Protein backbone atom coordinates (compact mmCIF):
# COMPACT_ATOMS: atom_id res chain seq x y z
CA MET A 1 -147.05 55.96 34.88
CA GLU A 2 -144.73 52.76 35.44
CA LYS A 3 -141.19 55.18 35.64
CA GLU A 4 -142.59 57.36 38.31
CA LYS A 5 -143.99 54.46 40.75
CA LEU A 6 -140.22 53.57 40.91
CA CYS A 7 -138.00 54.69 43.58
CA LEU A 8 -134.77 55.07 40.81
CA ARG A 9 -132.44 53.98 43.62
CA CYS A 10 -134.17 51.25 45.99
CA MET A 11 -135.93 50.14 42.56
CA ARG A 12 -139.10 49.71 44.58
CA LYS A 13 -142.13 51.01 43.46
CA ILE A 14 -143.36 53.45 45.73
CA GLY A 15 -146.65 54.78 44.34
CA ASN A 16 -146.64 59.08 43.98
CA ASN A 17 -144.50 59.12 46.79
CA THR A 18 -141.83 62.29 46.64
CA VAL A 19 -139.46 59.94 49.39
CA CYS A 20 -138.82 57.09 49.09
CA PRO A 21 -139.98 55.08 52.31
CA TYR A 22 -137.95 52.07 52.10
CA CYS A 23 -134.19 53.75 51.51
CA ARG A 24 -135.40 57.50 51.70
CA ASN A 25 -134.13 58.57 48.84
CA GLU A 26 -135.40 62.03 47.66
CA SER A 27 -137.48 62.09 43.73
CA GLY A 28 -136.88 64.89 41.62
CA LYS A 29 -133.30 65.43 41.99
CA PRO A 30 -131.16 65.72 38.69
CA GLN A 31 -127.78 63.23 37.73
CA ASN A 32 -126.32 65.65 35.80
CA ASP A 33 -123.13 65.03 33.39
CA PRO A 34 -120.77 62.99 32.80
CA TYR A 35 -123.02 60.69 33.68
CA LEU A 36 -126.68 59.59 32.08
CA PRO A 37 -129.91 61.42 33.21
CA LEU A 38 -132.35 59.27 35.37
CA LYS A 39 -135.14 57.43 33.71
CA THR A 40 -132.44 57.56 30.12
CA VAL A 41 -133.50 53.84 28.58
CA ILE A 42 -131.00 51.45 27.58
CA GLY A 43 -131.16 48.69 24.99
CA GLY A 44 -134.49 49.00 24.47
CA ARG A 45 -135.38 47.87 27.77
CA TYR A 46 -132.73 49.24 31.08
CA LEU A 47 -134.15 52.13 32.62
CA ILE A 48 -131.19 54.30 34.52
CA GLY A 49 -131.66 54.54 38.12
CA LYS A 50 -129.33 56.28 40.64
CA LEU A 51 -124.83 56.39 40.60
CA ILE A 52 -123.44 53.47 42.57
CA SER A 53 -120.27 54.17 41.86
CA SER A 54 -117.75 55.74 39.30
CA ASN A 55 -114.17 55.43 38.44
CA ALA A 56 -111.49 56.30 35.99
CA GLU A 57 -113.01 53.04 33.95
CA GLY A 58 -116.74 53.63 33.88
CA ASN A 59 -120.05 54.33 35.92
CA THR A 60 -121.96 51.90 37.61
CA TYR A 61 -125.90 52.33 38.34
CA ASN A 62 -128.88 50.57 39.88
CA ALA A 63 -131.27 50.47 36.64
CA PHE A 64 -134.50 48.97 35.76
CA ASP A 65 -134.98 45.86 33.29
CA LEU A 66 -138.25 46.62 31.65
CA GLU A 67 -138.60 43.59 29.85
CA ALA A 68 -138.36 41.22 33.27
CA LYS A 69 -139.26 43.35 35.65
CA LYS A 70 -136.76 43.27 38.18
CA PRO A 71 -134.17 45.64 39.58
CA VAL A 72 -130.15 45.38 37.52
CA SER A 73 -127.09 46.71 38.21
CA ILE A 74 -125.36 48.49 34.91
CA ARG A 75 -121.77 48.78 34.61
CA GLU A 76 -121.12 51.70 31.53
CA LEU A 77 -117.90 51.56 29.95
CA TYR A 78 -117.23 55.25 29.95
CA PRO A 79 -113.68 57.07 30.32
CA LYS A 80 -113.95 60.62 31.16
CA THR A 81 -110.25 61.14 29.52
CA LEU A 82 -111.56 59.44 26.37
CA LEU A 83 -114.98 60.25 26.06
CA SER A 84 -117.65 63.05 26.68
CA ARG A 85 -121.68 62.91 26.22
CA GLY A 86 -122.76 64.83 22.74
CA GLU A 87 -126.44 64.41 22.06
CA GLY A 88 -128.99 62.48 22.78
CA ASN A 89 -126.35 61.16 25.53
CA TYR A 90 -124.13 59.30 22.75
CA CYS A 91 -120.54 59.30 23.32
CA LEU A 92 -117.74 60.76 21.80
CA VAL A 93 -114.38 60.04 21.18
CA ASN A 94 -112.03 62.93 21.85
CA VAL A 95 -109.14 64.23 19.50
CA GLY A 96 -106.48 62.00 19.26
CA LYS A 97 -107.92 58.80 21.88
CA ALA A 98 -109.57 57.12 18.85
CA SER A 99 -106.96 53.72 19.11
CA GLU A 100 -106.39 53.83 23.48
CA PHE A 101 -110.55 54.07 23.35
CA ILE A 102 -110.50 51.21 20.95
CA ASP A 103 -107.94 49.28 23.35
CA THR A 104 -110.17 49.85 25.97
CA LYS A 105 -112.87 48.36 24.94
CA ASP A 106 -111.48 45.48 23.76
CA ALA A 107 -110.23 44.99 27.16
CA PHE A 108 -113.47 45.58 28.54
CA LEU A 109 -115.18 43.21 26.58
CA LYS A 110 -113.77 40.52 27.49
CA LEU A 111 -113.40 40.84 30.42
CA TRP A 112 -117.27 40.52 31.18
CA LYS A 113 -117.51 38.20 28.33
CA LYS A 114 -115.43 36.05 30.71
CA LEU A 115 -117.20 36.69 33.49
CA SER A 116 -120.77 35.74 32.37
CA ALA A 117 -119.39 32.40 31.68
CA LEU A 118 -118.81 31.60 35.17
CA ARG A 119 -121.53 29.85 36.96
CA GLY A 120 -122.40 27.72 40.02
CA PHE A 121 -120.17 29.80 42.76
CA THR A 122 -121.90 32.00 45.16
CA ALA A 123 -119.68 34.70 45.60
CA LEU A 124 -119.71 35.86 42.33
CA THR A 125 -121.82 38.21 40.66
CA PRO A 126 -121.32 37.17 36.40
CA ALA A 127 -122.96 39.50 33.62
CA THR A 128 -125.85 38.59 32.39
CA HIS A 129 -126.19 40.95 29.11
CA ILE A 130 -123.69 42.39 27.85
CA PHE A 131 -124.69 44.97 25.06
CA GLU A 132 -123.32 48.37 22.81
CA ASP A 133 -125.78 51.82 22.54
CA LEU A 134 -124.87 54.87 22.83
CA GLY A 135 -121.54 54.91 21.50
CA THR A 136 -120.04 52.58 24.35
CA VAL A 137 -120.59 48.98 26.01
CA TYR A 138 -122.54 47.77 28.91
CA ALA A 139 -123.00 44.88 30.93
CA VAL A 140 -125.69 43.91 33.20
CA SER A 141 -125.62 42.02 36.12
CA GLU A 142 -127.83 40.33 39.93
CA PHE A 143 -128.65 43.97 41.04
CA LEU A 144 -127.83 43.70 44.76
CA GLY A 145 -129.32 46.54 46.14
CA GLU A 146 -130.69 45.24 49.52
CA GLY A 147 -127.46 44.51 50.59
CA LYS A 148 -124.32 45.91 52.20
CA THR A 149 -120.73 46.49 51.82
CA LEU A 150 -118.41 45.01 54.12
CA ARG A 151 -117.13 47.70 55.98
CA GLU A 152 -120.72 48.70 56.64
CA TYR A 153 -121.05 45.09 58.15
CA LEU A 154 -118.81 45.83 60.25
CA LEU A 155 -118.71 48.82 61.45
CA SER A 156 -122.58 47.82 62.24
CA LYS A 157 -120.68 45.24 65.00
CA GLU A 158 -119.71 46.78 68.82
CA GLN A 159 -116.41 45.47 68.53
CA GLY A 160 -115.42 46.66 64.85
CA TYR A 161 -114.38 43.19 64.06
CA ILE A 162 -116.18 39.63 64.07
CA SER A 163 -114.72 35.67 65.39
CA TRP A 164 -112.71 33.50 63.19
CA ASP A 165 -115.35 30.62 63.12
CA GLU A 166 -117.96 33.06 61.83
CA ALA A 167 -115.32 35.24 59.24
CA ARG A 168 -114.81 31.30 58.36
CA VAL A 169 -118.16 30.56 56.95
CA LEU A 170 -118.14 34.18 55.27
CA PHE A 171 -114.69 33.86 53.45
CA MET A 172 -114.43 30.34 52.49
CA PRO A 173 -116.40 30.75 49.35
CA VAL A 174 -114.57 33.85 48.25
CA ILE A 175 -111.94 31.76 48.81
CA SER A 176 -113.50 29.09 46.37
CA ALA A 177 -114.76 32.16 43.87
CA LEU A 178 -111.64 33.96 43.46
CA GLY A 179 -109.82 30.81 42.39
CA GLU A 180 -112.04 30.89 39.55
CA LEU A 181 -111.03 33.68 38.31
CA HIS A 182 -107.75 33.11 38.67
CA SER A 183 -108.07 30.11 36.38
CA GLU A 184 -110.44 32.16 33.83
CA GLY A 185 -107.38 34.11 33.73
CA ILE A 186 -109.49 37.11 35.98
CA LEU A 187 -107.34 39.31 38.29
CA HIS A 188 -109.60 41.52 40.74
CA GLY A 189 -107.35 44.00 41.19
CA GLY A 190 -109.65 45.79 43.93
CA ILE A 191 -110.60 43.11 46.01
CA SER A 192 -111.62 45.49 49.64
CA PRO A 193 -114.14 45.88 52.47
CA THR A 194 -116.45 48.70 50.23
CA THR A 195 -116.27 45.85 47.03
CA LEU A 196 -117.24 43.21 49.25
CA ILE A 197 -120.97 42.98 49.20
CA ILE A 198 -123.04 40.86 52.00
CA ASP A 199 -126.31 40.33 49.97
CA ALA A 200 -129.78 40.19 51.23
CA ASN A 201 -129.32 36.29 52.88
CA GLY A 202 -125.95 37.02 54.61
CA LYS A 203 -123.07 36.20 51.52
CA VAL A 204 -120.24 37.94 50.30
CA ARG A 205 -120.19 38.85 46.65
CA ILE A 206 -117.77 40.36 44.93
CA THR A 207 -118.08 43.38 43.29
CA GLY A 208 -115.79 46.14 41.48
CA TYR A 209 -114.73 44.27 38.70
CA CYS A 210 -112.61 46.53 36.45
CA ILE A 211 -110.06 45.73 33.70
CA ASN A 212 -106.13 46.36 34.75
CA ASP A 213 -105.27 49.36 33.59
CA ILE A 214 -106.74 50.78 36.42
CA ARG A 215 -105.80 48.28 39.27
CA THR A 216 -102.02 49.70 39.05
CA GLU A 217 -100.48 53.15 38.55
CA LYS A 218 -98.83 52.48 35.67
CA GLY A 219 -101.53 52.29 33.51
CA THR A 220 -102.91 54.71 31.20
CA LEU A 221 -105.79 55.12 33.25
CA GLU A 222 -105.86 57.43 36.33
CA SER A 223 -105.63 54.36 38.39
CA GLU A 224 -108.00 53.34 41.25
CA LEU A 225 -106.19 51.74 44.13
CA PHE A 226 -107.56 50.70 48.05
CA ASP A 227 -104.82 51.73 50.14
CA GLY A 228 -103.95 49.26 52.80
CA TYR A 229 -105.69 46.05 50.32
CA ALA A 230 -103.25 47.42 47.31
CA ALA A 231 -100.25 45.11 47.26
CA VAL A 232 -97.14 47.10 46.54
CA GLU A 233 -96.72 45.96 42.71
CA GLN A 234 -99.63 47.71 42.42
CA TYR A 235 -98.09 50.90 43.08
CA GLY A 236 -95.27 49.88 40.09
CA LEU A 237 -92.70 49.62 43.10
CA SER A 238 -91.94 46.08 42.42
CA GLY A 239 -93.28 44.45 38.87
CA ASN A 240 -96.18 43.37 37.57
CA ILE A 241 -99.60 42.41 39.48
CA GLY A 242 -100.68 38.64 38.95
CA THR A 243 -103.22 36.38 40.91
CA TYR A 244 -100.14 36.73 44.40
CA THR A 245 -102.56 40.94 44.55
CA ASP A 246 -105.71 38.86 44.68
CA ILE A 247 -104.06 37.17 47.04
CA TYR A 248 -102.73 40.38 48.85
CA ALA A 249 -105.93 41.94 49.20
CA PHE A 250 -107.40 39.25 50.26
CA ALA A 251 -105.67 38.37 53.40
CA ALA A 252 -105.56 42.20 54.23
CA VAL A 253 -110.03 42.42 53.97
CA LEU A 254 -109.53 39.14 56.22
CA TYR A 255 -107.21 41.32 58.50
CA ARG A 256 -109.13 43.80 59.13
CA THR A 257 -112.22 41.70 59.44
CA LEU A 258 -110.95 40.26 62.38
CA ILE A 259 -108.46 42.78 63.85
CA GLY A 260 -111.03 45.54 63.14
CA SER A 261 -108.39 47.53 61.59
CA THR A 262 -106.86 48.38 58.06
CA PRO A 263 -103.58 47.06 57.40
CA ILE A 264 -100.41 49.95 56.58
CA SER A 265 -100.37 50.76 53.57
CA ALA A 266 -97.83 48.94 51.34
CA ALA A 267 -96.02 51.18 49.93
CA SER A 268 -95.27 52.80 52.97
CA ARG A 269 -94.52 48.76 54.65
CA LEU A 270 -91.67 49.34 51.86
CA THR A 271 -89.58 51.18 53.98
CA ASN A 272 -90.96 50.75 57.60
CA ASP A 273 -92.74 47.67 58.25
CA LYS A 274 -94.60 48.54 61.47
CA LEU A 275 -97.84 45.61 60.29
CA MET A 276 -98.56 44.34 64.10
CA ILE A 277 -101.23 42.27 65.36
CA PRO A 278 -102.43 43.04 69.28
CA GLY A 279 -101.40 40.02 72.11
CA LYS A 280 -105.26 39.65 72.78
CA PHE A 281 -105.98 38.61 69.32
CA ALA A 282 -103.27 36.09 68.96
CA GLU A 283 -104.11 34.64 71.67
CA GLN A 284 -107.63 34.32 70.70
CA LEU A 285 -106.61 33.24 66.58
CA PRO A 286 -105.51 30.12 65.82
CA ALA A 287 -102.14 29.57 65.25
CA TYR A 288 -102.57 28.62 61.49
CA VAL A 289 -105.18 31.19 60.66
CA ILE A 290 -101.87 33.33 61.69
CA ASN A 291 -99.53 32.18 59.73
CA ALA A 292 -101.98 32.20 56.59
CA LEU A 293 -102.04 35.61 57.17
CA VAL A 294 -98.61 36.37 57.67
CA ASN A 295 -97.39 33.93 54.73
CA ALA A 296 -100.19 36.58 52.83
CA LEU A 297 -99.21 39.79 53.84
CA GLN A 298 -95.46 39.34 52.95
CA ILE A 299 -94.46 42.43 50.80
CA LEU A 300 -93.05 41.53 48.05
CA PRO A 301 -94.25 38.86 46.01
CA GLN A 302 -91.79 36.32 45.97
CA ASP A 303 -92.33 35.76 49.05
CA ARG A 304 -95.70 35.81 49.56
CA THR A 305 -98.72 33.01 49.21
CA VAL A 306 -98.50 32.06 45.54
CA ASN A 307 -101.63 30.89 44.52
CA VAL A 308 -105.30 29.83 45.94
CA ASP A 309 -105.07 26.23 46.65
CA GLN A 310 -102.04 26.82 48.71
CA LEU A 311 -103.81 29.88 50.74
CA ARG A 312 -106.95 27.85 51.51
CA ASP A 313 -105.08 24.48 52.46
CA GLU A 314 -103.53 26.87 55.39
CA LEU A 315 -106.68 28.45 56.11
CA SER A 316 -108.49 25.11 56.64
CA ALA A 317 -105.29 23.55 58.79
CA SER A 318 -104.44 20.67 57.12
CA PRO A 319 -101.92 18.69 58.25
CA ALA A 320 -99.21 20.29 56.85
CA ALA A 321 -100.57 23.95 57.50
CA ALA A 322 -100.77 23.10 61.33
CA GLY A 323 -97.69 21.45 61.70
CA VAL A 324 -95.93 24.91 60.32
CA ALA A 325 -98.50 27.32 62.06
CA SER A 326 -96.96 26.28 65.23
CA GLU A 327 -93.17 27.43 64.77
CA ALA A 328 -94.53 30.48 62.87
CA TYR A 329 -96.28 31.03 65.63
CA SER A 330 -93.79 30.98 68.03
CA SER A 331 -91.02 32.80 65.88
CA MET A 332 -92.93 36.08 64.93
CA TYR A 333 -94.13 37.02 68.86
CA ASP A 334 -92.49 40.54 69.06
CA SER A 335 -90.22 40.70 71.67
CA LYS A 336 -89.37 43.74 72.35
CA ASP A 337 -93.48 44.06 73.26
CA GLU A 338 -95.12 41.57 74.83
CA ASP A 339 -98.45 42.90 73.47
CA VAL A 340 -97.87 42.91 70.14
CA TYR A 341 -97.57 40.22 67.66
CA ASN A 342 -94.71 41.51 64.57
CA PRO A 343 -96.22 38.67 61.42
CA ALA A 344 -92.81 41.35 59.97
CA VAL A 345 -90.93 38.49 60.20
CA PRO A 346 -91.64 35.58 57.07
CA SER A 347 -92.54 32.25 58.50
CA PRO A 348 -90.33 28.97 57.48
CA ALA A 349 -92.58 28.44 54.86
CA ALA A 350 -92.94 31.64 53.19
CA PRO A 351 -88.95 32.65 51.78
CA LEU A 352 -88.17 31.54 48.22
CA GLN A 353 -84.64 30.03 47.18
CA ASP A 354 -83.04 31.47 43.94
CA VAL A 355 -86.11 34.18 43.31
CA ASP A 356 -85.90 36.22 40.08
CA ASN A 357 -86.22 39.56 41.32
CA SER A 358 -88.19 40.87 38.39
CA CYS A 359 -91.40 39.15 39.81
CA PRO A 360 -92.51 37.14 37.08
CA GLU A 361 -96.16 36.25 36.02
CA VAL A 362 -96.37 33.10 38.38
CA PRO A 363 -93.32 33.37 41.27
CA GLN A 364 -91.71 29.91 42.37
CA GLU A 365 -93.77 27.62 44.65
CA HIS A 366 -92.60 27.48 48.25
CA ASN A 367 -91.19 24.75 49.89
CA HIS A 368 -93.73 21.96 50.44
CA LYS A 369 -91.54 19.14 51.33
CA LYS A 370 -89.47 21.32 53.64
CA GLY A 371 -92.97 22.22 55.06
CA ALA A 372 -93.85 18.67 55.23
CA ILE A 373 -90.69 17.13 57.81
CA ILE A 374 -91.42 20.11 59.77
CA ALA A 375 -94.95 19.20 60.34
CA PHE A 376 -94.14 16.05 60.79
CA VAL A 377 -91.40 16.51 63.38
CA VAL A 378 -93.12 18.78 65.28
CA SER A 379 -96.15 16.79 65.31
CA ALA A 380 -94.22 14.11 66.69
CA ALA A 381 -92.88 15.95 69.71
CA VAL A 382 -96.05 16.78 70.36
CA CYS A 383 -97.46 13.42 70.52
CA LEU A 384 -95.01 12.03 72.74
CA ALA A 385 -95.36 15.30 75.07
CA ILE A 386 -98.53 14.05 75.74
CA LEU A 387 -97.99 10.69 76.02
CA ILE A 388 -94.63 11.30 78.62
CA GLY A 389 -97.04 13.43 80.22
CA LEU A 390 -100.00 11.31 80.64
CA LEU A 391 -97.76 8.33 82.67
CA VAL A 392 -96.15 10.35 85.00
CA GLY A 393 -99.19 12.32 85.65
CA PHE A 394 -100.62 8.27 86.22
CA LYS A 395 -97.15 7.39 87.95
CA GLY A 396 -97.89 10.48 90.75
CA CYS A 397 -101.59 10.18 91.49
CA SER A 398 -100.36 5.84 92.31
CA ASN A 399 -97.00 7.26 93.79
CA LYS A 400 -99.84 9.44 96.27
CA GLY A 401 -102.09 6.72 96.43
CA ASP A 402 -98.83 5.03 98.18
CA ASP A 403 -97.98 7.55 100.49
CA ASP A 404 -100.96 8.94 101.57
CA GLU A 405 -103.30 6.19 101.71
CA THR A 406 -105.79 6.65 99.36
CA SER A 407 -107.78 3.89 97.98
CA THR A 408 -107.98 2.47 95.00
CA THR A 409 -111.90 4.73 94.41
CA ASP A 410 -109.81 7.78 95.01
CA ILE A 411 -107.36 6.84 92.33
CA SER A 412 -109.54 5.61 89.97
CA GLU A 413 -111.84 9.05 90.25
CA GLN A 414 -108.53 11.17 89.49
CA THR A 415 -107.81 8.77 86.83
CA GLU A 416 -111.07 9.49 85.06
CA GLN A 417 -110.94 13.17 85.59
CA THR A 418 -107.35 13.27 83.66
CA GLU A 419 -109.69 11.19 81.22
CA GLU A 420 -111.87 12.93 81.00
CA GLN A 421 -109.48 16.87 80.37
CA THR A 422 -107.44 15.05 78.15
CA GLU A 423 -110.83 14.49 76.17
CA VAL A 424 -112.22 18.08 76.24
CA GLY A 425 -109.37 18.69 74.40
CA PHE A 426 -109.39 16.01 71.67
CA VAL A 427 -112.47 15.01 69.39
CA SER A 428 -112.73 12.80 66.94
CA VAL A 429 -116.21 11.74 65.10
CA ASN A 430 -117.47 9.91 62.10
CA VAL A 431 -118.26 11.99 59.19
CA PRO A 432 -122.17 11.95 59.03
CA ASN A 433 -124.78 11.39 55.77
CA PHE A 434 -125.52 15.11 55.17
CA VAL A 435 -127.24 14.65 52.15
CA GLY A 436 -130.48 15.48 52.90
CA LYS A 437 -130.14 17.84 55.83
CA PHE A 438 -130.43 21.24 55.62
CA TYR A 439 -126.95 23.18 55.72
CA ASP A 440 -127.95 25.73 58.36
CA ASP A 441 -128.92 23.04 60.46
CA ILE A 442 -125.48 21.41 60.09
CA LYS A 443 -123.85 24.83 60.56
CA ALA A 444 -125.34 25.49 63.62
CA ASP A 445 -124.25 21.82 65.27
CA ASP A 446 -121.14 22.10 67.50
CA GLU A 447 -119.98 18.91 67.26
CA TYR A 448 -118.19 19.48 63.98
CA LYS A 449 -116.66 22.75 64.55
CA ASN A 450 -113.95 21.54 65.17
CA VAL A 451 -113.64 18.77 63.20
CA LEU A 452 -115.04 20.03 59.91
CA ILE A 453 -114.49 22.43 57.72
CA PHE A 454 -117.32 23.30 55.80
CA GLU A 455 -116.95 24.35 52.28
CA THR A 456 -120.50 25.09 50.39
CA LYS A 457 -121.12 25.45 46.35
CA TYR A 458 -125.00 26.02 45.95
CA VAL A 459 -126.12 24.38 42.73
CA ASP A 460 -129.47 24.77 40.36
CA SER A 461 -131.34 21.06 42.02
CA LYS A 462 -135.47 20.44 42.00
CA LYS A 463 -134.57 18.58 45.55
CA GLU A 464 -135.67 21.05 48.50
CA ARG A 465 -133.76 24.57 49.07
CA GLY A 466 -131.06 24.19 51.00
CA LYS A 467 -131.13 21.09 51.08
CA VAL A 468 -127.10 19.08 50.36
CA ILE A 469 -127.64 16.95 47.74
CA LYS A 470 -123.78 15.88 47.50
CA GLN A 471 -120.98 15.99 50.21
CA SER A 472 -117.46 15.60 49.38
CA ILE A 473 -116.26 12.88 52.32
CA ASN A 474 -117.63 8.99 52.57
CA PRO A 475 -119.86 8.60 55.87
CA GLY A 476 -117.76 7.17 57.97
CA VAL A 477 -113.98 8.89 57.73
CA GLU A 478 -113.27 9.11 61.18
CA VAL A 479 -112.01 13.09 61.89
CA ASN A 480 -110.68 14.50 64.85
CA SER A 481 -109.51 17.98 65.82
CA LEU A 482 -105.64 17.88 65.56
CA SER A 483 -105.65 17.85 61.96
CA PRO A 484 -109.37 19.45 60.86
CA ARG A 485 -110.97 18.12 57.34
CA LYS A 486 -112.55 20.55 54.85
CA ILE A 487 -115.13 19.33 53.24
CA VAL A 488 -117.34 19.99 50.10
CA LEU A 489 -121.22 20.22 50.39
CA GLU A 490 -122.82 20.81 47.25
CA VAL A 491 -126.54 22.34 48.40
CA SER A 492 -129.57 23.12 46.47
CA ASP A 493 -129.93 26.76 45.79
CA GLY A 494 -133.64 26.02 43.99
CA ILE A 495 -134.40 26.88 40.71
CA GLU A 496 -135.40 30.31 39.61
CA VAL A 497 -139.03 31.67 39.51
CA PRO A 498 -139.87 32.03 35.76
CA ASP A 499 -141.57 35.82 34.76
CA VAL A 500 -144.84 34.61 33.98
CA GLU A 501 -146.83 38.22 34.85
CA GLY A 502 -148.70 39.09 32.00
CA LEU A 503 -149.54 35.56 30.81
CA SER A 504 -153.03 33.17 30.38
CA LEU A 505 -153.15 31.29 33.34
CA ASP A 506 -152.28 28.14 31.06
CA GLU A 507 -149.18 29.65 29.50
CA ALA A 508 -148.17 30.70 32.86
CA ILE A 509 -149.52 26.79 34.16
CA GLU A 510 -147.08 25.43 31.10
CA THR A 511 -144.02 27.48 31.70
CA LEU A 512 -143.77 27.17 35.78
CA LYS A 513 -144.40 23.41 34.88
CA GLU A 514 -141.74 23.07 32.50
CA ALA A 515 -139.05 25.09 35.33
CA GLY A 516 -139.53 22.25 37.31
CA PHE A 517 -142.07 23.32 39.96
CA THR A 518 -144.82 21.06 40.59
CA ASN A 519 -147.20 22.68 42.60
CA ILE A 520 -149.45 25.67 41.60
CA ASP A 521 -152.76 26.35 42.89
CA THR A 522 -154.53 29.84 40.94
CA GLN A 523 -156.72 32.42 42.94
CA MET A 524 -159.11 34.79 40.91
CA ASN A 525 -158.87 37.97 42.38
CA SER A 526 -161.84 40.18 40.72
CA VAL A 527 -163.35 39.97 36.52
CA ALA A 528 -161.09 41.63 33.76
CA THR A 529 -162.09 44.90 33.45
CA SER A 530 -161.22 44.81 29.62
CA GLU A 531 -160.51 41.97 27.08
CA SER A 532 -157.10 42.00 27.15
CA GLU A 533 -157.03 41.84 31.28
CA SER A 534 -158.58 38.41 30.19
CA ASN A 535 -157.48 34.86 32.77
CA LYS A 536 -154.18 36.93 33.00
CA VAL A 537 -151.88 36.37 35.75
CA LYS A 538 -152.07 39.61 37.83
CA GLN A 539 -149.18 38.55 40.12
CA VAL A 540 -147.15 35.78 41.73
CA VAL A 541 -146.64 34.74 44.86
CA TYR A 542 -146.04 31.54 47.11
CA VAL A 543 -147.23 30.22 50.62
CA ASP A 544 -145.21 30.33 52.97
CA ASP A 545 -144.53 26.20 55.14
CA GLU A 546 -144.64 27.87 58.72
CA THR A 547 -147.27 30.72 58.48
CA ALA A 548 -149.02 29.59 55.77
CA ASP A 549 -149.59 32.54 54.57
CA TRP A 550 -148.71 34.14 51.09
CA LYS A 551 -145.40 36.16 50.23
CA GLU A 552 -143.16 37.20 47.34
CA ILE A 553 -141.09 35.64 45.92
CA PRO A 554 -137.75 36.27 47.32
CA SER A 555 -135.90 38.60 45.80
CA ASP A 556 -133.00 36.02 44.28
CA GLY A 557 -136.48 35.08 42.48
CA ARG A 558 -135.48 31.09 43.70
CA LEU A 559 -137.77 28.93 45.36
CA SER A 560 -138.23 24.98 45.48
CA ALA A 561 -139.40 23.00 43.01
CA THR A 562 -141.80 21.08 45.24
CA ASP A 563 -143.18 25.01 46.95
CA GLU A 564 -146.14 26.15 46.56
CA ILE A 565 -146.49 28.55 43.78
CA VAL A 566 -150.49 30.75 43.35
CA LEU A 567 -151.10 31.97 40.74
CA TYR A 568 -153.44 35.59 40.99
CA TYR A 569 -155.42 35.95 37.76
CA TYR A 570 -157.89 38.33 36.28
CA GLY A 571 -161.56 36.40 35.83
CA GLU A 572 -162.90 35.92 32.45
CA TYR A 573 -164.42 39.53 30.57
CA GLU A 574 -168.14 39.87 30.70
CA THR A 575 -169.67 42.19 28.16
CA LYS A 576 -173.59 43.26 28.57
CA PRO A 577 -175.57 42.22 26.22
CA VAL A 578 -177.07 45.07 23.80
CA ILE A 579 -180.87 45.86 23.92
CA THR A 580 -182.09 46.93 20.27
CA THR A 581 -185.47 48.98 19.21
CA THR A 582 -186.99 45.27 18.69
CA GLU A 583 -186.54 43.52 22.06
CA THR A 584 -187.25 47.18 23.92
CA GLN A 585 -191.51 47.34 21.75
CA SER A 586 -191.57 43.46 22.48
CA GLU A 587 -190.80 43.67 26.48
CA THR A 588 -192.96 46.76 26.61
CA GLU A 589 -195.69 44.91 25.23
CA GLU A 590 -195.78 41.75 27.29
CA ILE A 591 -195.92 43.70 30.29
CA THR A 592 -198.33 45.76 29.31
CA GLU A 593 -200.61 42.48 28.71
CA ASP A 594 -199.85 41.16 31.95
CA SER A 595 -200.99 44.25 33.77
CA GLY A 596 -204.58 43.52 32.43
CA ASP A 597 -205.14 47.18 31.91
CA GLU A 598 -206.84 47.65 28.54
CA THR A 599 -206.85 51.38 28.32
CA THR A 600 -202.62 51.67 28.95
CA SER A 601 -202.66 49.10 26.60
CA ASP A 602 -203.96 50.84 23.94
CA SER A 603 -202.54 53.52 24.79
CA ILE A 604 -198.94 52.30 24.32
CA ASP A 605 -199.81 50.70 20.95
CA GLU A 606 -200.89 54.03 19.85
CA ASN A 607 -198.13 55.34 20.57
CA VAL A 608 -195.90 52.14 19.41
CA GLY A 609 -198.03 51.72 15.95
């Protein structure tokens, strides 16, 4: 009965509808071999739904966890060249492929076990359960069915792209997550607008994890490469894949996000590099962003940005990176076409000296000292130019006052205007104490947008959800728009609401208290219709502070510890008393005596006797 009530695509309850009112999925359409049939139960608890995607490594399905009563995503290891389905959907290893399947299975398990250990990064979707069934391996992760791909998100925009300010908020958490993957020895190899999902909360999530064998054309399985986002080394043309491979893909995604078009394939760029940035974008984007894209999109790995830390510094406009950016901007503007910015020419920070062309796993690092010296010289020159300009301007105003007999008041007004114009381009603030404030309010405050680059880290906390609980820069530190500082804010993500539906009222309350919730209310629904329902929780909702209405628990299952949770439960089961024959006779006699009718009484007595 429960199976029939679910849409097998979005996993919402749809009653007896044949077409889902939410996602318009039509029930009744079969899911044929080589994919698992709809409503197959694996691992004794997961109900298989619609296929999401498939490649040479395996298949990804929407599914429903019958124990936890929530939708999930399931990745099935099913390399079609190595396996086939037998009776009961059991996977059979193809003849002569046993050794290859064992190696593939080991790589799959190693990848997902590493992913299962990663926590605390909003952009990651770690595995929550790994198990074997039907002759293969399955990995369960968070359900993102209510989100949309980055590609869909960008296509929904009128212009097909977004500004750097919006992109920075979306992608900075992705950079941190990518760094965490690399620190654990995980290479994604498939970052693209279709493997980045924007979830229901507007956060970018990394999906599409696969073993490295299908992320290069040199692998034994058929490769899955995303043209325009795959680096040249993935085509088997320039060595092994490494962390720099993911950096190329991320930069290509950022290019698509900011420019509105897919970059030219890296394989094509190797012989004819025509990757350009149109002039209007070169004028709008900060020079340091263009510099970061240029360095990260270098064709050869040895010329490319080495690691995530360097990419983050360049995109965050750290002093060294910002200094180099101005020279990079001028050196790479295509003189043949004033409307096109050409990133084909490496920036001053990009070339490496004495590079081993065999492309080792981790290339040599860029020359930071050289970049720092250039940054210092450029910054000093800019400051000196500004100072000279102000002095000359002031002197000019004074001379004009002498010649034209301009009053002192007029000169003062001109000086104030000059100072006001200077202040518009330069902003300096002291970092406030963000702890205890809502991150959304901080992000919306324009006072900080030119001096601070926010990076968020969402963590489990009993503090109110969305509030900052820690900051990386101490309050009172002065920051300015000439060298914006990155600030990491730890933000409370609340705590997970445990599943208490079906528990007794006392058990549910105790479970919620143990989880950390302090504001629990109860509301009886109706009298139980059976003993098994008596005092059992039927539904869990929470009270919205703004509307004071009951609402369903959020899709990610998390609330603030202080949120008011309401347990909607059945009342006690009441049994009706059974009336015996003796009791019936006594009641009849009492009624007869009270009536005072002797004839009727005698008649009843005789009948009873």
